[in-house]
PDB file of all heavy atoms in Angstrom:
ATOM      1  N   VAL A   1     -39.777  38.732  78.060  1.00  0.00           N
ATOM      2  CA  VAL A   1     -40.607  38.000  77.099  1.00  0.00           C
ATOM      3  C   VAL A   1     -41.549  37.001  77.777  1.00  0.00           C
ATOM      4  O   VAL A   1     -42.743  36.949  77.445  1.00  0.00           O
ATOM      5  CB  VAL A   1     -39.714  37.294  76.060  1.00  0.00           C
ATOM      6  CG1 VAL A   1     -40.526  36.311  75.229  1.00  0.00           C
ATOM      7  CG2 VAL A   1     -39.045  38.324  75.161  1.00  0.00           C
ATOM      8  N   PRO A   2     -41.100  36.187  78.752  1.00  0.00           N
ATOM      9  CA  PRO A   2     -42.015  35.198  79.339  1.00  0.00           C
ATOM     10  C   PRO A   2     -43.234  35.819  80.014  1.00  0.00           C
ATOM     11  O   PRO A   2     -44.342  35.295  79.877  1.00  0.00           O
ATOM     12  CB  PRO A   2     -41.132  34.462  80.357  1.00  0.00           C
ATOM     13  CG  PRO A   2     -39.743  34.643  79.855  1.00  0.00           C
ATOM     14  CD  PRO A   2     -39.724  36.011  79.255  1.00  0.00           C
ATOM     15  N   ILE A   3     -43.049  36.922  80.744  1.00  0.00           N
ATOM     16  CA  ILE A   3     -44.193  37.492  81.457  1.00  0.00           C
ATOM     17  C   ILE A   3     -45.072  38.325  80.537  1.00  0.00           C
ATOM     18  O   ILE A   3     -46.300  38.353  80.687  1.00  0.00           O
ATOM     19  CB  ILE A   3     -43.723  38.325  82.674  1.00  0.00           C
ATOM     20  CG1 ILE A   3     -44.917  38.653  83.566  1.00  0.00           C
ATOM     21  CG2 ILE A   3     -42.993  39.599  82.221  1.00  0.00           C
ATOM     22  CD1 ILE A   3     -44.531  39.272  84.880  1.00  0.00           C
ATOM     23  N   ARG A   4     -44.487  38.993  79.550  1.00  0.00           N
ATOM     24  CA  ARG A   4     -45.290  39.805  78.640  1.00  0.00           C
ATOM     25  C   ARG A   4     -46.168  38.935  77.744  1.00  0.00           C
ATOM     26  O   ARG A   4     -47.192  39.399  77.240  1.00  0.00           O
ATOM     27  CB  ARG A   4     -44.388  40.698  77.784  1.00  0.00           C
ATOM     28  CG  ARG A   4     -43.669  41.788  78.566  1.00  0.00           C
ATOM     29  CD  ARG A   4     -43.195  42.893  77.657  1.00  0.00           C
ATOM     30  NE  ARG A   4     -44.314  43.575  77.014  1.00  0.00           N
ATOM     31  CZ  ARG A   4     -44.168  44.520  76.077  1.00  0.00           C
ATOM     32  NH1 ARG A   4     -42.953  44.857  75.684  1.00  0.00           N
ATOM     33  NH2 ARG A   4     -45.210  45.097  75.536  1.00  0.00           N
ATOM     34  N   ALA A   5     -45.769  37.678  77.564  1.00  0.00           N
ATOM     35  CA  ALA A   5     -46.598  36.769  76.774  1.00  0.00           C
ATOM     36  C   ALA A   5     -47.940  36.488  77.447  1.00  0.00           C
ATOM     37  O   ALA A   5     -48.885  36.065  76.792  1.00  0.00           O
ATOM     38  CB  ALA A   5     -45.854  35.461  76.533  1.00  0.00           C
ATOM     39  N   HIS A   6     -48.021  36.746  78.761  1.00  0.00           N
ATOM     40  CA  HIS A   6     -49.253  36.492  79.508  1.00  0.00           C
ATOM     41  C   HIS A   6     -49.897  37.788  79.994  1.00  0.00           C
ATOM     42  O   HIS A   6     -50.757  37.762  80.875  1.00  0.00           O
ATOM     43  CB  HIS A   6     -48.959  35.576  80.698  1.00  0.00           C
ATOM     44  CG  HIS A   6     -48.432  34.233  80.296  1.00  0.00           C
ATOM     45  ND1 HIS A   6     -49.241  33.199  79.883  1.00  0.00           N
ATOM     46  CD2 HIS A   6     -47.159  33.757  80.217  1.00  0.00           C
ATOM     47  CE1 HIS A   6     -48.507  32.142  79.590  1.00  0.00           C
ATOM     48  NE2 HIS A   6     -47.235  32.459  79.774  1.00  0.00           N
ATOM     49  N   MET A   7     -49.479  38.903  79.423  1.00  0.00           N
ATOM     50  CA  MET A   7     -50.073  40.200  79.735  1.00  0.00           C
ATOM     51  C   MET A   7     -50.859  40.695  78.525  1.00  0.00           C
ATOM     52  O   MET A   7     -50.679  40.180  77.410  1.00  0.00           O
ATOM     53  CB  MET A   7     -48.966  41.211  80.107  1.00  0.00           C
ATOM     54  CG  MET A   7     -48.202  40.850  81.366  1.00  0.00           C
ATOM     55  SD  MET A   7     -46.765  41.933  81.656  1.00  0.00           S
ATOM     56  CE  MET A   7     -47.565  43.528  81.813  1.00  0.00           C
ATOM     57  N   PRO A   8     -51.746  41.656  78.711  1.00  0.00           N
ATOM     58  CA  PRO A   8     -52.467  42.226  77.557  1.00  0.00           C
ATOM     59  C   PRO A   8     -51.484  42.746  76.512  1.00  0.00           C
ATOM     60  O   PRO A   8     -50.338  43.121  76.834  1.00  0.00           O
ATOM     61  CB  PRO A   8     -53.279  43.367  78.184  1.00  0.00           C
ATOM     62  CG  PRO A   8     -53.475  42.955  79.602  1.00  0.00           C
ATOM     63  CD  PRO A   8     -52.224  42.226  79.985  1.00  0.00           C
ATOM     64  N   PRO A   9     -51.885  42.787  75.245  1.00  0.00           N
ATOM     65  CA  PRO A   9     -50.958  43.141  74.153  1.00  0.00           C
ATOM     66  C   PRO A   9     -50.246  44.477  74.357  1.00  0.00           C
ATOM     67  O   PRO A   9     -49.056  44.599  74.042  1.00  0.00           O
ATOM     68  CB  PRO A   9     -51.857  43.176  72.918  1.00  0.00           C
ATOM     69  CG  PRO A   9     -52.991  42.264  73.265  1.00  0.00           C
ATOM     70  CD  PRO A   9     -53.215  42.425  74.736  1.00  0.00           C
ATOM     71  N   ASP A  10     -50.931  45.478  74.863  1.00  0.00           N
ATOM     72  CA  ASP A  10     -50.322  46.799  75.017  1.00  0.00           C
ATOM     73  C   ASP A  10     -49.775  47.045  76.416  1.00  0.00           C
ATOM     74  O   ASP A  10     -49.301  48.151  76.701  1.00  0.00           O
ATOM     75  CB  ASP A  10     -51.354  47.882  74.668  1.00  0.00           C
ATOM     76  CG  ASP A  10     -51.790  47.794  73.210  1.00  0.00           C
ATOM     77  OD1 ASP A  10     -50.967  47.354  72.382  1.00  0.00           O
ATOM     78  OD2 ASP A  10     -52.955  48.152  72.922  1.00  0.00           O
ATOM     79  N   ALA A  11     -49.841  46.050  77.286  1.00  0.00           N
ATOM     80  CA  ALA A  11     -49.387  46.235  78.663  1.00  0.00           C
ATOM     81  C   ALA A  11     -47.855  46.163  78.738  1.00  0.00           C
ATOM     82  O   ALA A  11     -47.208  45.464  77.952  1.00  0.00           O
ATOM     83  CB  ALA A  11     -50.002  45.182  79.568  1.00  0.00           C
ATOM     84  N   LYS A  12     -47.295  46.888  79.682  1.00  0.00           N
ATOM     85  CA  LYS A  12     -45.853  46.903  79.893  1.00  0.00           C
ATOM     86  C   LYS A  12     -45.565  46.779  81.379  1.00  0.00           C
ATOM     87  O   LYS A  12     -46.414  47.049  82.226  1.00  0.00           O
ATOM     88  CB  LYS A  12     -45.240  48.210  79.366  1.00  0.00           C
ATOM     89  CG  LYS A  12     -45.383  48.412  77.860  1.00  0.00           C
ATOM     90  CD  LYS A  12     -44.725  49.718  77.439  1.00  0.00           C
ATOM     91  CE  LYS A  12     -44.861  49.941  75.942  1.00  0.00           C
ATOM     92  NZ  LYS A  12     -44.219  51.212  75.513  1.00  0.00           N
ATOM     93  N   LEU A  13     -44.356  46.348  81.684  1.00  0.00           N
ATOM     94  CA  LEU A  13     -43.905  46.359  83.070  1.00  0.00           C
ATOM     95  C   LEU A  13     -43.743  47.798  83.536  1.00  0.00           C
ATOM     96  O   LEU A  13     -43.410  48.692  82.747  1.00  0.00           O
ATOM     97  CB  LEU A  13     -42.577  45.611  83.202  1.00  0.00           C
ATOM     98  CG  LEU A  13     -42.593  44.122  82.836  1.00  0.00           C
ATOM     99  CD1 LEU A  13     -41.178  43.567  82.889  1.00  0.00           C
ATOM    100  CD2 LEU A  13     -43.500  43.335  83.745  1.00  0.00           C
ATOM    101  N   ILE A  14     -43.978  48.024  84.809  1.00  0.00           N
ATOM    102  CA  ILE A  14     -43.899  49.384  85.344  1.00  0.00           C
ATOM    103  C   ILE A  14     -42.676  49.509  86.246  1.00  0.00           C
ATOM    104  O   ILE A  14     -42.130  48.509  86.720  1.00  0.00           O
ATOM    105  CB  ILE A  14     -45.181  49.757  86.122  1.00  0.00           C
ATOM    106  CG1 ILE A  14     -45.351  48.825  87.327  1.00  0.00           C
ATOM    107  CG2 ILE A  14     -46.393  49.693  85.211  1.00  0.00           C
ATOM    108  CD1 ILE A  14     -46.505  49.208  88.227  1.00  0.00           C
ATOM    109  N   ALA A  15     -42.255  50.730  86.456  1.00  0.00           N
ATOM    110  CA  ALA A  15     -41.136  51.035  87.352  1.00  0.00           C
ATOM    111  C   ALA A  15     -41.654  51.941  88.454  1.00  0.00           C
ATOM    112  O   ALA A  15     -41.933  53.125  88.218  1.00  0.00           O
ATOM    113  CB  ALA A  15     -39.999  51.708  86.590  1.00  0.00           C
ATOM    114  N   ILE A  16     -41.803  51.391  89.651  1.00  0.00           N
ATOM    115  CA  ILE A  16     -42.337  52.170  90.768  1.00  0.00           C
ATOM    116  C   ILE A  16     -41.274  53.072  91.363  1.00  0.00           C
ATOM    117  O   ILE A  16     -41.515  54.234  91.685  1.00  0.00           O
ATOM    118  CB  ILE A  16     -42.914  51.223  91.840  1.00  0.00           C
ATOM    119  CG1 ILE A  16     -44.080  50.417  91.261  1.00  0.00           C
ATOM    120  CG2 ILE A  16     -43.362  51.997  93.070  1.00  0.00           C
ATOM    121  CD1 ILE A  16     -44.677  49.415  92.216  1.00  0.00           C
ATOM    122  N   GLY A  17     -40.073  52.553  91.539  1.00  0.00           N
ATOM    123  CA  GLY A  17     -39.007  53.338  92.140  1.00  0.00           C
ATOM    124  C   GLY A  17     -38.546  54.468  91.235  1.00  0.00           C
ATOM    125  O   GLY A  17     -38.584  54.358  89.997  1.00  0.00           O
ATOM    126  N   VAL A  18     -38.070  55.535  91.859  1.00  0.00           N
ATOM    127  CA  VAL A  18     -37.614  56.699  91.105  1.00  0.00           C
ATOM    128  C   VAL A  18     -36.403  56.343  90.247  1.00  0.00           C
ATOM    129  O   VAL A  18     -36.293  56.773  89.085  1.00  0.00           O
ATOM    130  CB  VAL A  18     -37.277  57.855  92.061  1.00  0.00           C
ATOM    131  CG1 VAL A  18     -36.714  59.052  91.279  1.00  0.00           C
ATOM    132  CG2 VAL A  18     -38.498  58.270  92.863  1.00  0.00           C
ATOM    133  N   PHE A  19     -35.498  55.560  90.799  1.00  0.00           N
ATOM    134  CA  PHE A  19     -34.258  55.231  90.087  1.00  0.00           C
ATOM    135  C   PHE A  19     -34.304  53.857  89.421  1.00  0.00           C
ATOM    136  O   PHE A  19     -33.290  53.414  88.870  1.00  0.00           O
ATOM    137  CB  PHE A  19     -33.066  55.294  91.051  1.00  0.00           C
ATOM    138  CG  PHE A  19     -32.875  56.643  91.686  1.00  0.00           C
ATOM    139  CD1 PHE A  19     -33.243  56.858  93.003  1.00  0.00           C
ATOM    140  CD2 PHE A  19     -32.338  57.698  90.960  1.00  0.00           C
ATOM    141  CE1 PHE A  19     -33.078  58.105  93.586  1.00  0.00           C
ATOM    142  CE2 PHE A  19     -32.166  58.943  91.537  1.00  0.00           C
ATOM    143  CZ  PHE A  19     -32.537  59.146  92.856  1.00  0.00           C
ATOM    144  N   SER A  20     -35.434  53.176  89.481  1.00  0.00           N
ATOM    145  CA  SER A  20     -35.535  51.838  88.891  1.00  0.00           C
ATOM    146  C   SER A  20     -35.229  51.810  87.396  1.00  0.00           C
ATOM    147  O   SER A  20     -34.539  50.897  86.923  1.00  0.00           O
ATOM    148  CB  SER A  20     -36.926  51.259  89.147  1.00  0.00           C
ATOM    149  OG  SER A  20     -37.132  51.035  90.516  1.00  0.00           O
ATOM    150  N   PRO A  21     -35.699  52.787  86.601  1.00  0.00           N
ATOM    151  CA  PRO A  21     -35.389  52.744  85.161  1.00  0.00           C
ATOM    152  C   PRO A  21     -33.900  52.812  84.853  1.00  0.00           C
ATOM    153  O   PRO A  21     -33.474  52.419  83.764  1.00  0.00           O
ATOM    154  CB  PRO A  21     -36.122  53.968  84.596  1.00  0.00           C
ATOM    155  CG  PRO A  21     -37.212  54.231  85.568  1.00  0.00           C
ATOM    156  CD  PRO A  21     -36.644  53.877  86.906  1.00  0.00           C
ATOM    157  N   PHE A  22     -33.106  53.290  85.824  1.00  0.00           N
ATOM    158  CA  PHE A  22     -31.663  53.390  85.605  1.00  0.00           C
ATOM    159  C   PHE A  22     -30.918  52.199  86.203  1.00  0.00           C
ATOM    160  O   PHE A  22     -30.062  51.590  85.540  1.00  0.00           O
ATOM    161  CB  PHE A  22     -31.128  54.685  86.220  1.00  0.00           C
ATOM    162  CG  PHE A  22     -29.627  54.833  86.137  1.00  0.00           C
ATOM    163  CD1 PHE A  22     -29.008  55.159  84.938  1.00  0.00           C
ATOM    164  CD2 PHE A  22     -28.829  54.621  87.261  1.00  0.00           C
ATOM    165  CE1 PHE A  22     -27.627  55.280  84.858  1.00  0.00           C
ATOM    166  CE2 PHE A  22     -27.455  54.744  87.185  1.00  0.00           C
ATOM    167  CZ  PHE A  22     -26.845  55.072  85.987  1.00  0.00           C
ATOM    168  N   PHE A  23     -31.248  51.846  87.455  1.00  0.00           N
ATOM    169  CA  PHE A  23     -30.477  50.826  88.156  1.00  0.00           C
ATOM    170  C   PHE A  23     -30.858  49.403  87.750  1.00  0.00           C
ATOM    171  O   PHE A  23     -29.992  48.518  87.728  1.00  0.00           O
ATOM    172  CB  PHE A  23     -30.628  50.988  89.678  1.00  0.00           C
ATOM    173  CG  PHE A  23     -29.843  52.128  90.234  1.00  0.00           C
ATOM    174  CD1 PHE A  23     -30.481  53.238  90.756  1.00  0.00           C
ATOM    175  CD2 PHE A  23     -28.452  52.114  90.229  1.00  0.00           C
ATOM    176  CE1 PHE A  23     -29.759  54.300  91.269  1.00  0.00           C
ATOM    177  CE2 PHE A  23     -27.715  53.170  90.735  1.00  0.00           C
ATOM    178  CZ  PHE A  23     -28.373  54.266  91.258  1.00  0.00           C
ATOM    179  N   VAL A  24     -32.117  49.161  87.445  1.00  0.00           N
ATOM    180  CA  VAL A  24     -32.526  47.796  87.098  1.00  0.00           C
ATOM    181  C   VAL A  24     -31.840  47.311  85.815  1.00  0.00           C
ATOM    182  O   VAL A  24     -31.318  46.192  85.779  1.00  0.00           O
ATOM    183  CB  VAL A  24     -34.058  47.702  86.989  1.00  0.00           C
ATOM    184  CG1 VAL A  24     -34.473  46.347  86.431  1.00  0.00           C
ATOM    185  CG2 VAL A  24     -34.695  47.918  88.359  1.00  0.00           C
ATOM    186  N   PRO A  25     -31.799  48.098  84.724  1.00  0.00           N
ATOM    187  CA  PRO A  25     -31.050  47.638  83.544  1.00  0.00           C
ATOM    188  C   PRO A  25     -29.573  47.400  83.823  1.00  0.00           C
ATOM    189  O   PRO A  25     -28.982  46.460  83.261  1.00  0.00           O
ATOM    190  CB  PRO A  25     -31.253  48.779  82.530  1.00  0.00           C
ATOM    191  CG  PRO A  25     -32.540  49.416  82.939  1.00  0.00           C
ATOM    192  CD  PRO A  25     -32.542  49.343  84.435  1.00  0.00           C
ATOM    193  N   LEU A  26     -28.974  48.226  84.684  1.00  0.00           N
ATOM    194  CA  LEU A  26     -27.571  47.993  85.039  1.00  0.00           C
ATOM    195  C   LEU A  26     -27.407  46.694  85.815  1.00  0.00           C
ATOM    196  O   LEU A  26     -26.424  45.973  85.637  1.00  0.00           O
ATOM    197  CB  LEU A  26     -27.044  49.176  85.860  1.00  0.00           C
ATOM    198  CG  LEU A  26     -26.876  50.504  85.126  1.00  0.00           C
ATOM    199  CD1 LEU A  26     -26.308  51.560  86.066  1.00  0.00           C
ATOM    200  CD2 LEU A  26     -25.970  50.340  83.912  1.00  0.00           C
ATOM    201  N   LYS A  27     -28.377  46.402  86.682  1.00  0.00           N
ATOM    202  CA  LYS A  27     -28.331  45.155  87.441  1.00  0.00           C
ATOM    203  C   LYS A  27     -28.435  43.951  86.507  1.00  0.00           C
ATOM    204  O   LYS A  27     -27.712  42.960  86.665  1.00  0.00           O
ATOM    205  CB  LYS A  27     -29.467  45.136  88.461  1.00  0.00           C
ATOM    206  CG  LYS A  27     -29.475  43.933  89.374  1.00  0.00           C
ATOM    207  CD  LYS A  27     -30.582  44.045  90.404  1.00  0.00           C
ATOM    208  CE  LYS A  27     -30.568  42.864  91.359  1.00  0.00           C
ATOM    209  NZ  LYS A  27     -31.654  42.981  92.389  1.00  0.00           N
ATOM    210  N   VAL A  28     -29.321  44.045  85.534  1.00  0.00           N
ATOM    211  CA  VAL A  28     -29.475  42.963  84.567  1.00  0.00           C
ATOM    212  C   VAL A  28     -28.203  42.821  83.728  1.00  0.00           C
ATOM    213  O   VAL A  28     -27.763  41.713  83.412  1.00  0.00           O
ATOM    214  CB  VAL A  28     -30.699  43.215  83.674  1.00  0.00           C
ATOM    215  CG1 VAL A  28     -30.773  42.194  82.538  1.00  0.00           C
ATOM    216  CG2 VAL A  28     -31.968  43.173  84.507  1.00  0.00           C
ATOM    217  N   LEU A  29     -27.600  43.955  83.359  1.00  0.00           N
ATOM    218  CA  LEU A  29     -26.360  43.926  82.588  1.00  0.00           C
ATOM    219  C   LEU A  29     -25.254  43.239  83.380  1.00  0.00           C
ATOM    220  O   LEU A  29     -24.494  42.416  82.831  1.00  0.00           O
ATOM    221  CB  LEU A  29     -25.949  45.347  82.211  1.00  0.00           C
ATOM    222  CG  LEU A  29     -24.628  45.490  81.451  1.00  0.00           C
ATOM    223  CD1 LEU A  29     -24.727  44.812  80.079  1.00  0.00           C
ATOM    224  CD2 LEU A  29     -24.257  46.965  81.293  1.00  0.00           C
ATOM    225  N   ALA A  30     -25.144  43.566  84.669  1.00  0.00           N
ATOM    226  CA  ALA A  30     -24.113  42.940  85.499  1.00  0.00           C
ATOM    227  C   ALA A  30     -24.370  41.444  85.641  1.00  0.00           C
ATOM    228  O   ALA A  30     -23.436  40.624  85.561  1.00  0.00           O
ATOM    229  CB  ALA A  30     -24.082  43.612  86.866  1.00  0.00           C
TER     230      ALA A  30
END
């Protein structure tokens, strides 16, 4: 929320790594 408030309305964070969409949410969960 803090960073998206300063991004364009339709902009989203990107995932460069192949496994980032899987491991990053798990890291945040932990």
